[in-house]
PDB file of N, CA and C in Angstrom:
ATOM      1  N   UNK A   1     -18.323   9.280 -20.480  1.00  0.00           N
ATOM      2  CA  UNK A   1     -17.238   9.407 -21.280  1.00  0.00           C
ATOM      3  C   UNK A   1     -17.184   8.251 -22.332  1.00  0.00           C
ATOM      4  N   UNK A   2     -17.467   7.023 -21.896  1.00  0.00           N
ATOM      5  CA  UNK A   2     -17.353   5.904 -22.833  1.00  0.00           C
ATOM      6  C   UNK A   2     -18.492   6.060 -23.961  1.00  0.00           C
ATOM      7  N   UNK A   3     -19.565   6.440 -23.596  1.00  0.00           N
ATOM      8  CA  UNK A   3     -20.627   6.656 -24.618  1.00  0.00           C
ATOM      9  C   UNK A   3     -20.134   7.725 -25.706  1.00  0.00           C
ATOM     10  N   UNK A   4     -19.622   8.734 -25.221  1.00  0.00           N
ATOM     11  CA  UNK A   4     -18.998   9.711 -26.223  1.00  0.00           C
ATOM     12  C   UNK A   4     -18.051   9.088 -27.110  1.00  0.00           C
ATOM     13  N   UNK A   5     -17.125   8.208 -26.588  1.00  0.00           N
ATOM     14  CA  UNK A   5     -15.996   7.647 -27.233  1.00  0.00           C
ATOM     15  C   UNK A   5     -16.634   6.664 -28.334  1.00  0.00           C
ATOM     16  N   UNK A   6     -17.654   5.955 -27.896  1.00  0.00           N
ATOM     17  CA  UNK A   6     -18.278   5.082 -28.827  1.00  0.00           C
ATOM     18  C   UNK A   6     -19.029   5.819 -29.992  1.00  0.00           C
ATOM     19  N   UNK A   7     -19.570   6.958 -29.713  1.00  0.00           N
ATOM     20  CA  UNK A   7     -20.207   7.774 -30.727  1.00  0.00           C
ATOM     21  C   UNK A   7     -19.188   8.287 -31.822  1.00  0.00           C
ATOM     22  N   UNK A   8     -17.929   8.433 -31.446  1.00  0.00           N
ATOM     23  CA  UNK A   8     -16.930   8.789 -32.385  1.00  0.00           C
ATOM     24  C   UNK A   8     -16.851   7.828 -33.567  1.00  0.00           C
ATOM     25  N   UNK A   9     -17.084   6.529 -33.304  1.00  0.00           N
ATOM     26  CA  UNK A   9     -17.092   5.574 -34.305  1.00  0.00           C
ATOM     27  C   UNK A   9     -18.028   5.870 -35.394  1.00  0.00           C
ATOM     28  N   UNK A  10     -19.148   6.467 -35.149  1.00  0.00           N
ATOM     29  CA  UNK A  10     -20.185   6.838 -36.153  1.00  0.00           C
ATOM     30  C   UNK A  10     -19.705   8.094 -36.898  1.00  0.00           C
ATOM     31  N   UNK A  11     -19.108   8.988 -36.269  1.00  0.00           N
ATOM     32  CA  UNK A  11     -18.646  10.290 -36.821  1.00  0.00           C
ATOM     33  C   UNK A  11     -17.481  10.183 -37.641  1.00  0.00           C
ATOM     34  N   UNK A  12     -16.482   9.539 -37.215  1.00  0.00           N
ATOM     35  CA  UNK A  12     -15.129   9.477 -37.842  1.00  0.00           C
ATOM     36  C   UNK A  12     -15.135   9.026 -39.319  1.00  0.00           C
ATOM     37  N   UNK A  13     -15.873   8.030 -39.693  1.00  0.00           N
ATOM     38  CA  UNK A  13     -15.813   7.499 -41.082  1.00  0.00           C
ATOM     39  C   UNK A  13     -16.354   8.510 -42.089  1.00  0.00           C
ATOM     40  N   UNK A  14     -17.279   9.362 -41.542  1.00  0.00           N
ATOM     41  CA  UNK A  14     -17.900  10.279 -42.461  1.00  0.00           C
ATOM     42  C   UNK A  14     -17.071  11.508 -42.713  1.00  0.00           C
ATOM     43  N   UNK A  15     -16.037  11.715 -41.849  1.00  0.00           N
ATOM     44  CA  UNK A  15     -15.167  12.849 -41.912  1.00  0.00           C
ATOM     45  C   UNK A  15     -13.686  12.369 -41.816  1.00  0.00           C
ATOM     46  N   UNK A  16     -13.031  12.111 -42.969  1.00  0.00           N
ATOM     47  CA  UNK A  16     -11.699  11.547 -42.927  1.00  0.00           C
ATOM     48  C   UNK A  16     -10.819  12.440 -42.040  1.00  0.00           C
ATOM     49  N   UNK A  17     -10.190  11.721 -41.077  1.00  0.00           N
ATOM     50  CA  UNK A  17      -9.353  12.424 -40.028  1.00  0.00           C
ATOM     51  C   UNK A  17      -8.787  11.318 -39.226  1.00  0.00           C
ATOM     52  N   UNK A  18      -7.814  11.765 -38.385  1.00  0.00           N
ATOM     53  CA  UNK A  18      -7.230  10.940 -37.300  1.00  0.00           C
ATOM     54  C   UNK A  18      -7.662  11.558 -35.974  1.00  0.00           C
ATOM     55  N   UNK A  19      -8.216  10.768 -35.163  1.00  0.00           N
ATOM     56  CA  UNK A  19      -8.665  11.216 -33.816  1.00  0.00           C
ATOM     57  C   UNK A  19      -7.855  10.507 -32.791  1.00  0.00           C
ATOM     58  N   UNK A  20      -7.185  11.175 -31.816  1.00  0.00           N
ATOM     59  CA  UNK A  20      -6.518  10.578 -30.768  1.00  0.00           C
ATOM     60  C   UNK A  20      -7.174  10.769 -29.459  1.00  0.00           C
ATOM     61  N   UNK A  21      -7.556   9.774 -28.715  1.00  0.00           N
ATOM     62  CA  UNK A  21      -8.161   9.884 -27.441  1.00  0.00           C
ATOM     63  C   UNK A  21      -7.081   9.677 -26.424  1.00  0.00           C
ATOM     64  N   UNK A  22      -6.757  10.649 -25.712  1.00  0.00           N
ATOM     65  CA  UNK A  22      -5.658  10.635 -24.768  1.00  0.00           C
ATOM     66  C   UNK A  22      -6.103  10.425 -23.415  1.00  0.00           C
ATOM     67  N   UNK A  23      -5.459   9.606 -22.649  1.00  0.00           N
ATOM     68  CA  UNK A  23      -5.908   9.376 -21.184  1.00  0.00           C
ATOM     69  C   UNK A  23      -4.696   9.449 -20.266  1.00  0.00           C
ATOM     70  N   UNK A  24      -4.958   9.937 -19.146  1.00  0.00           N
ATOM     71  CA  UNK A  24      -3.968   9.975 -18.068  1.00  0.00           C
ATOM     72  C   UNK A  24      -4.150   8.738 -17.309  1.00  0.00           C
ATOM     73  N   UNK A  25      -3.375   7.730 -17.490  1.00  0.00           N
ATOM     74  CA  UNK A  25      -3.484   6.405 -16.711  1.00  0.00           C
ATOM     75  C   UNK A  25      -3.285   6.639 -15.245  1.00  0.00           C
ATOM     76  N   UNK A  26      -2.376   7.528 -14.879  1.00  0.00           N
ATOM     77  CA  UNK A  26      -2.208   7.686 -13.363  1.00  0.00           C
ATOM     78  C   UNK A  26      -3.468   8.280 -12.757  1.00  0.00           C
ATOM     79  N   UNK A  27      -4.203   9.160 -13.453  1.00  0.00           N
ATOM     80  CA  UNK A  27      -5.405   9.763 -12.915  1.00  0.00           C
ATOM     81  C   UNK A  27      -6.599   8.884 -12.977  1.00  0.00           C
ATOM     82  N   UNK A  28      -6.787   8.135 -14.089  1.00  0.00           N
ATOM     83  CA  UNK A  28      -7.923   7.361 -14.387  1.00  0.00           C
ATOM     84  C   UNK A  28      -7.802   5.866 -13.966  1.00  0.00           C
ATOM     85  N   UNK A  29      -6.595   5.307 -14.006  1.00  0.00           N
ATOM     86  CA  UNK A  29      -6.337   4.001 -13.786  1.00  0.00           C
ATOM     87  C   UNK A  29      -6.422   3.142 -15.054  1.00  0.00           C
ATOM     88  N   UNK A  30      -5.785   1.987 -14.999  1.00  0.00           N
ATOM     89  CA  UNK A  30      -5.646   1.201 -16.266  1.00  0.00           C
ATOM     90  C   UNK A  30      -7.061   0.689 -16.620  1.00  0.00           C
ATOM     91  N   UNK A  31      -7.985   0.404 -15.609  1.00  0.00           N
ATOM     92  CA  UNK A  31      -9.177  -0.218 -16.019  1.00  0.00           C
ATOM     93  C   UNK A  31     -10.056   0.659 -16.858  1.00  0.00           C
ATOM     94  N   UNK A  32     -10.103   1.982 -16.613  1.00  0.00           N
ATOM     95  CA  UNK A  32     -10.813   2.991 -17.442  1.00  0.00           C
ATOM     96  C   UNK A  32     -10.253   3.055 -18.815  1.00  0.00           C
ATOM     97  N   UNK A  33      -8.955   3.011 -18.957  1.00  0.00           N
ATOM     98  CA  UNK A  33      -8.219   3.079 -20.228  1.00  0.00           C
ATOM     99  C   UNK A  33      -8.603   1.829 -21.031  1.00  0.00           C
ATOM    100  N   UNK A  34      -8.528   0.619 -20.535  1.00  0.00           N
ATOM    101  CA  UNK A  34      -8.888  -0.551 -21.186  1.00  0.00           C
ATOM    102  C   UNK A  34     -10.344  -0.622 -21.613  1.00  0.00           C
ATOM    103  N   UNK A  35     -11.288  -0.102 -20.779  1.00  0.00           N
ATOM    104  CA  UNK A  35     -12.701   0.037 -21.139  1.00  0.00           C
ATOM    105  C   UNK A  35     -12.825   0.917 -22.317  1.00  0.00           C
ATOM    106  N   UNK A  36     -12.128   2.039 -22.377  1.00  0.00           N
ATOM    107  CA  UNK A  36     -12.203   3.030 -23.411  1.00  0.00           C
ATOM    108  C   UNK A  36     -11.673   2.355 -24.730  1.00  0.00           C
ATOM    109  N   UNK A  37     -10.606   1.555 -24.691  1.00  0.00           N
ATOM    110  CA  UNK A  37     -10.128   0.891 -25.790  1.00  0.00           C
ATOM    111  C   UNK A  37     -11.059  -0.131 -26.401  1.00  0.00           C
ATOM    112  N   UNK A  38     -11.994  -0.609 -25.606  1.00  0.00           N
ATOM    113  CA  UNK A  38     -12.891  -1.539 -26.185  1.00  0.00           C
ATOM    114  C   UNK A  38     -13.883  -0.982 -27.167  1.00  0.00           C
ATOM    115  N   UNK A  39     -14.060   0.420 -27.116  1.00  0.00           N
ATOM    116  CA  UNK A  39     -15.095   0.955 -28.001  1.00  0.00           C
ATOM    117  C   UNK A  39     -14.521   1.439 -29.326  1.00  0.00           C
ATOM    118  N   UNK A  40     -13.233   1.208 -29.600  1.00  0.00           N
ATOM    119  CA  UNK A  40     -12.726   1.644 -30.845  1.00  0.00           C
ATOM    120  C   UNK A  40     -12.148   0.465 -31.617  1.00  0.00           C
ATOM    121  N   UNK A  41     -12.547   0.419 -32.936  1.00  0.00           N
ATOM    122  CA  UNK A  41     -12.122  -0.675 -33.769  1.00  0.00           C
ATOM    123  C   UNK A  41     -10.640  -0.737 -34.105  1.00  0.00           C
ATOM    124  N   UNK A  42      -9.986   0.456 -34.106  1.00  0.00           N
ATOM    125  CA  UNK A  42      -8.513   0.574 -34.274  1.00  0.00           C
ATOM    126  C   UNK A  42      -7.847   1.321 -33.209  1.00  0.00           C
ATOM    127  N   UNK A  43      -6.653   1.018 -32.900  1.00  0.00           N
ATOM    128  CA  UNK A  43      -5.912   1.790 -31.901  1.00  0.00           C
ATOM    129  C   UNK A  43      -4.514   2.088 -32.397  1.00  0.00           C
ATOM    130  N   UNK A  44      -3.882   3.108 -31.776  1.00  0.00           N
ATOM    131  CA  UNK A  44      -2.551   3.439 -32.135  1.00  0.00           C
ATOM    132  C   UNK A  44      -1.701   3.028 -30.952  1.00  0.00           C
ATOM    133  N   UNK A  45      -0.728   2.174 -31.164  1.00  0.00           N
ATOM    134  CA  UNK A  45       0.103   1.624 -30.149  1.00  0.00           C
ATOM    135  C   UNK A  45       1.503   1.561 -30.576  1.00  0.00           C
ATOM    136  N   UNK A  46       2.351   2.248 -29.836  1.00  0.00           N
ATOM    137  CA  UNK A  46       3.802   2.246 -30.173  1.00  0.00           C
ATOM    138  C   UNK A  46       4.095   2.683 -31.590  1.00  0.00           C
ATOM    139  N   UNK A  47       3.267   3.709 -32.108  1.00  0.00           N
ATOM    140  CA  UNK A  47       3.441   4.241 -33.386  1.00  0.00           C
ATOM    141  C   UNK A  47       2.848   3.564 -34.529  1.00  0.00           C
ATOM    142  N   UNK A  48       2.058   2.472 -34.225  1.00  0.00           N
ATOM    143  CA  UNK A  48       1.385   1.691 -35.198  1.00  0.00           C
ATOM    144  C   UNK A  48      -0.093   1.791 -35.106  1.00  0.00           C
ATOM    145  N   UNK A  49      -0.844   1.901 -36.172  1.00  0.00           N
ATOM    146  CA  UNK A  49      -2.368   1.781 -36.108  1.00  0.00           C
ATOM    147  C   UNK A  49      -2.647   0.267 -36.260  1.00  0.00           C
ATOM    148  N   UNK A  50      -3.351  -0.317 -35.392  1.00  0.00           N
ATOM    149  CA  UNK A  50      -3.656  -1.711 -35.291  1.00  0.00           C
ATOM    150  C   UNK A  50      -5.223  -1.864 -35.297  1.00  0.00           C
ATOM    151  N   UNK A  51      -5.682  -3.083 -35.838  1.00  0.00           N
ATOM    152  CA  UNK A  51      -7.010  -3.509 -35.621  1.00  0.00           C
ATOM    153  C   UNK A  51      -7.057  -3.922 -34.079  1.00  0.00           C
ATOM    154  N   UNK A  52      -8.007  -3.380 -33.405  1.00  0.00           N
ATOM    155  CA  UNK A  52      -8.137  -3.583 -32.013  1.00  0.00           C
ATOM    156  C   UNK A  52      -8.832  -4.870 -31.547  1.00  0.00           C
ATOM    157  N   UNK A  53      -8.109  -5.859 -31.067  1.00  0.00           N
ATOM    158  CA  UNK A  53      -8.675  -7.153 -30.732  1.00  0.00           C
ATOM    159  C   UNK A  53      -9.594  -7.063 -29.456  1.00  0.00           C
ATOM    160  N   UNK A  54      -9.486  -5.976 -28.770  1.00  0.00           N
ATOM    161  CA  UNK A  54     -10.324  -5.741 -27.607  1.00  0.00           C
ATOM    162  C   UNK A  54     -11.734  -5.125 -27.999  1.00  0.00           C
ATOM    163  N   UNK A  55     -11.824  -4.683 -29.197  1.00  0.00           N
ATOM    164  CA  UNK A  55     -12.996  -3.901 -29.662  1.00  0.00           C
ATOM    165  C   UNK A  55     -14.257  -4.784 -29.501  1.00  0.00           C
ATOM    166  N   UNK A  56     -15.311  -4.163 -28.901  1.00  0.00           N
ATOM    167  CA  UNK A  56     -16.564  -4.736 -28.710  1.00  0.00           C
ATOM    168  C   UNK A  56     -17.641  -3.734 -29.274  1.00  0.00           C
ATOM    169  N   UNK A  57     -18.181  -4.120 -30.429  1.00  0.00           N
ATOM    170  CA  UNK A  57     -19.161  -3.255 -31.092  1.00  0.00           C
ATOM    171  C   UNK A  57     -20.407  -3.035 -30.187  1.00  0.00           C
ATOM    172  N   UNK A  58     -20.779  -1.769 -30.086  1.00  0.00           N
ATOM    173  CA  UNK A  58     -21.945  -1.480 -29.310  1.00  0.00           C
ATOM    174  C   UNK A  58     -23.094  -0.956 -30.179  1.00  0.00           C
ATOM    175  N   UNK A  59     -24.350  -1.041 -29.727  1.00  0.00           N
ATOM    176  CA  UNK A  59     -25.468  -0.574 -30.416  1.00  0.00           C
ATOM    177  C   UNK A  59     -25.771  -1.201 -31.598  1.00  0.00           C
TER     178      UNK A  59
END
């Protein structure tokens, strides 16, 4: 799942759009959600698009 999430970073800039990756924290746990957040340079939090300080560039 995280490899797929990271590949979106290559796809998204070539095709202007907004992509929301939605997670069920109760089903997956906060650890999985935080790991997924690390693969995206920007996040949407409380209605704001923010530069993601947790982002770790891969590849």
